[in-house]
């Protein structure tokens, strides 16, 4: 089995504690492309917000964490990251940029 947690499985306690430590030490929490439907992700958003750490969410649709976010960018993740890369002067190959559009 790969070292992942599948939907419906419990996250190992030591991994949760490691993530809590990372959130405690973070200046900002950036959520990319997650609906935060499951508590395993939402708990970290709540932790950050409860301690005053700014939460930024990039997701096409609304998320369970939106009320905790200081900013939410309502774009598909690929489009948002391609735009951010462009503003930072990072070249995105055309093939990768084409993958950011919505299917027809």
N, C-alpha and C. Protein backbone atom coordinates (compact mmCIF):
# COMPACT_ATOMS: atom_id res chain seq x y z
N UNK A 1 0.86 -1.19 0.00
CA UNK A 1 0.00 0.00 0.00
C UNK A 1 0.89 1.24 0.00
N UNK A 2 0.58 2.23 -0.84
CA UNK A 2 1.37 3.47 -0.83
C UNK A 2 1.20 4.20 0.49
N UNK A 3 2.13 5.09 0.78
CA UNK A 3 2.11 5.85 2.04
C UNK A 3 1.15 7.04 1.90
N UNK A 4 -0.13 6.72 1.78
CA UNK A 4 -1.18 7.72 1.66
C UNK A 4 -2.34 7.32 2.57
N UNK A 5 -3.22 8.26 2.82
CA UNK A 5 -4.43 7.98 3.58
C UNK A 5 -5.59 8.07 2.59
N UNK A 6 -6.26 6.97 2.39
CA UNK A 6 -7.39 6.95 1.47
C UNK A 6 -8.64 7.51 2.14
N UNK A 7 -9.58 7.98 1.32
CA UNK A 7 -10.83 8.52 1.84
C UNK A 7 -11.48 7.49 2.76
N UNK A 8 -11.89 7.94 3.93
CA UNK A 8 -12.54 7.05 4.89
C UNK A 8 -11.58 6.45 5.90
N UNK A 9 -10.28 6.53 5.65
CA UNK A 9 -9.30 6.00 6.59
C UNK A 9 -8.92 7.08 7.60
N UNK A 10 -8.44 6.64 8.75
CA UNK A 10 -7.97 7.57 9.77
C UNK A 10 -6.54 7.98 9.47
N UNK A 11 -6.25 9.25 9.70
CA UNK A 11 -4.88 9.75 9.55
C UNK A 11 -4.11 9.31 10.79
N UNK A 12 -2.91 8.73 10.61
CA UNK A 12 -2.13 8.29 11.77
C UNK A 12 -1.88 9.45 12.74
N UNK A 13 -2.04 9.22 14.04
CA UNK A 13 -1.90 10.30 15.04
C UNK A 13 -0.57 11.05 14.96
N UNK A 14 0.53 10.34 14.69
CA UNK A 14 1.82 11.03 14.63
C UNK A 14 1.88 11.98 13.43
N UNK A 15 1.19 11.66 12.35
CA UNK A 15 1.16 12.56 11.19
C UNK A 15 0.31 13.79 11.51
N UNK A 16 -0.80 13.59 12.21
CA UNK A 16 -1.65 14.71 12.61
C UNK A 16 -0.86 15.66 13.50
N UNK A 17 -0.14 15.12 14.47
CA UNK A 17 0.62 15.97 15.39
C UNK A 17 1.73 16.73 14.64
N UNK A 18 2.38 16.06 13.69
CA UNK A 18 3.41 16.74 12.88
C UNK A 18 2.79 17.91 12.11
N UNK A 19 1.62 17.69 11.53
CA UNK A 19 0.95 18.77 10.79
C UNK A 19 0.53 19.90 11.71
N UNK A 20 0.05 19.56 12.90
CA UNK A 20 -0.33 20.60 13.87
C UNK A 20 0.89 21.47 14.21
N UNK A 21 2.04 20.85 14.36
CA UNK A 21 3.27 21.60 14.64
C UNK A 21 3.59 22.53 13.48
N UNK A 22 3.50 22.03 12.25
CA UNK A 22 3.77 22.86 11.08
C UNK A 22 2.82 24.05 11.01
N UNK A 23 1.54 23.83 11.31
CA UNK A 23 0.56 24.92 11.29
C UNK A 23 0.88 25.93 12.39
N UNK A 24 1.26 25.44 13.57
CA UNK A 24 1.62 26.36 14.67
C UNK A 24 2.78 27.26 14.28
N UNK A 25 3.72 26.74 13.50
CA UNK A 25 4.92 27.49 13.13
C UNK A 25 4.74 28.34 11.86
N UNK A 26 3.63 28.16 11.17
CA UNK A 26 3.41 28.84 9.89
C UNK A 26 3.02 30.30 10.07
N UNK A 27 3.44 31.13 9.12
CA UNK A 27 3.00 32.53 9.10
C UNK A 27 1.69 32.66 8.35
N UNK A 28 1.43 31.74 7.42
CA UNK A 28 0.21 31.73 6.61
C UNK A 28 -0.10 30.28 6.25
N UNK A 29 -1.38 29.96 6.11
CA UNK A 29 -1.78 28.63 5.65
C UNK A 29 -2.44 28.80 4.29
N UNK A 30 -1.89 28.13 3.29
CA UNK A 30 -2.40 28.20 1.92
C UNK A 30 -3.04 26.87 1.57
N UNK A 31 -4.33 26.90 1.25
CA UNK A 31 -5.07 25.70 0.88
C UNK A 31 -5.27 25.74 -0.63
N UNK A 32 -4.81 24.70 -1.33
CA UNK A 32 -4.88 24.68 -2.79
C UNK A 32 -5.73 23.52 -3.28
N UNK A 33 -6.84 23.84 -3.94
CA UNK A 33 -7.64 22.83 -4.61
C UNK A 33 -8.27 21.79 -3.72
N UNK A 34 -8.76 22.19 -2.57
CA UNK A 34 -9.44 21.25 -1.67
C UNK A 34 -10.78 21.83 -1.25
N UNK A 35 -11.79 20.98 -1.23
CA UNK A 35 -13.11 21.41 -0.75
C UNK A 35 -13.16 21.41 0.77
N UNK A 36 -12.14 20.83 1.40
CA UNK A 36 -12.08 20.70 2.86
C UNK A 36 -13.31 19.98 3.40
N UNK A 37 -13.82 19.05 2.61
CA UNK A 37 -15.00 18.29 3.00
C UNK A 37 -14.73 17.41 4.21
N UNK A 38 -13.54 16.84 4.26
CA UNK A 38 -13.23 15.94 5.38
C UNK A 38 -12.53 16.71 6.50
N UNK A 39 -12.76 16.28 7.71
CA UNK A 39 -12.22 16.96 8.88
C UNK A 39 -10.70 16.93 8.91
N UNK A 40 -10.09 15.92 8.28
CA UNK A 40 -8.63 15.83 8.34
C UNK A 40 -7.95 17.07 7.77
N UNK A 41 -8.55 17.75 6.82
CA UNK A 41 -7.99 19.00 6.31
C UNK A 41 -8.55 20.22 7.01
N UNK A 42 -9.83 20.20 7.28
CA UNK A 42 -10.49 21.35 7.90
C UNK A 42 -9.93 21.65 9.28
N UNK A 43 -9.51 20.62 10.01
CA UNK A 43 -9.00 20.85 11.38
C UNK A 43 -7.80 21.79 11.38
N UNK A 44 -6.96 21.72 10.33
CA UNK A 44 -5.78 22.58 10.28
C UNK A 44 -6.16 24.02 9.93
N UNK A 45 -7.16 24.18 9.09
CA UNK A 45 -7.67 25.51 8.77
C UNK A 45 -8.22 26.16 10.04
N UNK A 46 -9.00 25.41 10.79
CA UNK A 46 -9.56 25.94 12.04
C UNK A 46 -8.46 26.28 13.03
N UNK A 47 -7.46 25.41 13.14
CA UNK A 47 -6.34 25.66 14.05
C UNK A 47 -5.65 26.97 13.70
N UNK A 48 -5.36 27.15 12.41
CA UNK A 48 -4.67 28.37 11.98
C UNK A 48 -5.53 29.60 12.29
N UNK A 49 -6.79 29.54 11.92
CA UNK A 49 -7.67 30.69 12.13
C UNK A 49 -7.83 31.01 13.61
N UNK A 50 -7.93 29.98 14.44
CA UNK A 50 -8.11 30.19 15.88
C UNK A 50 -6.91 30.87 16.53
N UNK A 51 -5.74 30.73 15.91
CA UNK A 51 -4.53 31.35 16.48
C UNK A 51 -4.14 32.63 15.75
N UNK A 52 -4.99 33.08 14.82
CA UNK A 52 -4.71 34.32 14.11
C UNK A 52 -3.81 34.18 12.90
N UNK A 53 -3.50 32.95 12.50
CA UNK A 53 -2.69 32.74 11.30
C UNK A 53 -3.60 32.92 10.08
N UNK A 54 -3.24 33.79 9.15
CA UNK A 54 -4.08 34.00 7.97
C UNK A 54 -4.21 32.72 7.14
N UNK A 55 -5.42 32.47 6.67
CA UNK A 55 -5.71 31.32 5.81
C UNK A 55 -6.13 31.86 4.44
N UNK A 56 -5.48 31.38 3.39
CA UNK A 56 -5.84 31.73 2.02
C UNK A 56 -6.26 30.44 1.32
N UNK A 57 -7.39 30.48 0.61
CA UNK A 57 -7.92 29.30 -0.06
C UNK A 57 -8.05 29.59 -1.55
N UNK A 58 -7.53 28.67 -2.37
CA UNK A 58 -7.71 28.72 -3.82
C UNK A 58 -8.49 27.47 -4.20
N UNK A 59 -9.72 27.65 -4.64
CA UNK A 59 -10.56 26.53 -5.03
C UNK A 59 -11.69 27.07 -5.90
N UNK A 60 -12.02 26.34 -6.92
CA UNK A 60 -13.06 26.79 -7.85
C UNK A 60 -14.41 26.97 -7.15
N UNK A 61 -14.75 26.04 -6.28
CA UNK A 61 -16.05 26.07 -5.60
C UNK A 61 -15.88 26.46 -4.14
N UNK A 62 -16.99 26.73 -3.49
CA UNK A 62 -16.98 27.05 -2.06
C UNK A 62 -16.42 25.87 -1.27
N UNK A 63 -15.84 26.17 -0.10
CA UNK A 63 -15.28 25.13 0.75
C UNK A 63 -15.84 25.28 2.16
N UNK A 64 -15.67 24.23 2.95
CA UNK A 64 -16.10 24.29 4.35
C UNK A 64 -15.24 25.25 5.17
N UNK A 65 -14.09 25.62 4.65
CA UNK A 65 -13.19 26.51 5.38
C UNK A 65 -13.30 27.97 5.01
N UNK A 66 -14.18 28.30 4.09
CA UNK A 66 -14.25 29.68 3.59
C UNK A 66 -14.45 30.72 4.69
N UNK A 67 -15.24 30.40 5.68
CA UNK A 67 -15.50 31.41 6.73
C UNK A 67 -14.27 31.69 7.58
N UNK A 68 -13.26 30.82 7.51
CA UNK A 68 -12.02 31.01 8.26
C UNK A 68 -10.95 31.72 7.44
N UNK A 69 -11.20 31.88 6.15
CA UNK A 69 -10.18 32.43 5.25
C UNK A 69 -10.22 33.95 5.22
N UNK A 70 -9.04 34.56 5.15
CA UNK A 70 -8.96 36.00 4.93
C UNK A 70 -9.14 36.31 3.46
N UNK A 71 -8.82 35.34 2.60
CA UNK A 71 -8.97 35.48 1.16
C UNK A 71 -9.32 34.13 0.56
N UNK A 72 -10.25 34.15 -0.39
CA UNK A 72 -10.55 32.95 -1.17
C UNK A 72 -10.54 33.35 -2.64
N UNK A 73 -9.78 32.62 -3.43
CA UNK A 73 -9.71 32.87 -4.86
C UNK A 73 -10.54 31.79 -5.54
N UNK A 74 -11.63 32.20 -6.18
CA UNK A 74 -12.58 31.27 -6.79
C UNK A 74 -12.21 31.02 -8.25
N UNK A 75 -11.15 30.24 -8.44
CA UNK A 75 -10.69 29.86 -9.77
C UNK A 75 -10.29 28.39 -9.75
N UNK A 76 -10.31 27.75 -10.92
CA UNK A 76 -9.71 26.42 -10.97
C UNK A 76 -8.23 26.53 -10.57
N UNK A 77 -7.73 25.56 -9.88
CA UNK A 77 -6.38 25.63 -9.34
C UNK A 77 -5.33 25.86 -10.43
N UNK A 78 -5.44 25.16 -11.53
CA UNK A 78 -4.45 25.32 -12.60
C UNK A 78 -4.39 26.74 -13.12
N UNK A 79 -5.56 27.34 -13.33
CA UNK A 79 -5.60 28.72 -13.82
C UNK A 79 -5.02 29.68 -12.80
N UNK A 80 -5.34 29.46 -11.53
CA UNK A 80 -4.83 30.35 -10.48
C UNK A 80 -3.32 30.26 -10.37
N UNK A 81 -2.78 29.05 -10.41
CA UNK A 81 -1.33 28.89 -10.28
C UNK A 81 -0.59 29.39 -11.52
N UNK A 82 -1.19 29.21 -12.69
CA UNK A 82 -0.57 29.73 -13.91
C UNK A 82 -0.51 31.25 -13.86
N UNK A 83 -1.59 31.89 -13.41
CA UNK A 83 -1.61 33.35 -13.28
C UNK A 83 -0.58 33.81 -12.25
N UNK A 84 -0.50 33.11 -11.13
CA UNK A 84 0.47 33.48 -10.09
C UNK A 84 1.90 33.33 -10.62
N UNK A 85 2.16 32.26 -11.34
CA UNK A 85 3.49 32.05 -11.91
C UNK A 85 3.84 33.18 -12.87
N UNK A 86 2.88 33.58 -13.69
CA UNK A 86 3.11 34.68 -14.63
C UNK A 86 3.45 35.98 -13.92
N UNK A 87 2.75 36.26 -12.82
CA UNK A 87 3.04 37.49 -12.07
C UNK A 87 4.41 37.44 -11.41
N UNK A 88 4.88 36.23 -11.12
CA UNK A 88 6.20 36.07 -10.52
C UNK A 88 7.30 35.98 -11.57
N UNK A 89 6.91 36.04 -12.85
CA UNK A 89 7.89 35.97 -13.92
C UNK A 89 8.36 34.56 -14.23
N UNK A 90 7.58 33.57 -13.81
CA UNK A 90 7.94 32.17 -14.07
C UNK A 90 7.28 31.74 -15.37
N UNK A 91 8.08 31.19 -16.28
CA UNK A 91 7.55 30.73 -17.56
C UNK A 91 6.82 29.41 -17.37
N UNK A 92 5.59 29.34 -17.87
CA UNK A 92 4.81 28.10 -17.83
C UNK A 92 4.73 27.59 -19.26
N UNK A 93 5.24 26.37 -19.53
CA UNK A 93 5.19 25.83 -20.89
C UNK A 93 3.75 25.79 -21.41
N UNK A 94 3.58 25.99 -22.71
CA UNK A 94 2.24 26.05 -23.31
C UNK A 94 1.43 24.81 -23.00
N UNK A 95 2.05 23.65 -23.04
CA UNK A 95 1.33 22.40 -22.77
C UNK A 95 0.75 22.41 -21.36
N UNK A 96 1.50 22.88 -20.39
CA UNK A 96 1.02 22.95 -19.01
C UNK A 96 -0.07 24.01 -18.89
N UNK A 97 0.09 25.13 -19.56
CA UNK A 97 -0.91 26.20 -19.50
C UNK A 97 -2.22 25.73 -20.12
N UNK A 98 -2.15 24.93 -21.19
CA UNK A 98 -3.36 24.42 -21.82
C UNK A 98 -4.14 23.52 -20.87
N UNK A 99 -3.47 22.86 -19.96
CA UNK A 99 -4.12 21.94 -19.03
C UNK A 99 -4.90 22.68 -17.95
N UNK A 100 -4.78 24.00 -17.89
CA UNK A 100 -5.47 24.76 -16.84
C UNK A 100 -6.87 25.17 -17.24
N UNK A 101 -7.25 24.94 -18.48
CA UNK A 101 -8.58 25.35 -18.90
C UNK A 101 -9.60 24.28 -18.56
N UNK A 102 -10.83 24.70 -18.45
CA UNK A 102 -11.92 23.78 -18.15
C UNK A 102 -12.21 22.91 -19.37
N UNK A 103 -12.59 21.65 -19.16
CA UNK A 103 -12.96 20.81 -20.30
C UNK A 103 -14.19 21.37 -21.02
N UNK A 104 -14.25 21.16 -22.32
CA UNK A 104 -15.38 21.67 -23.12
C UNK A 104 -16.62 20.84 -22.92
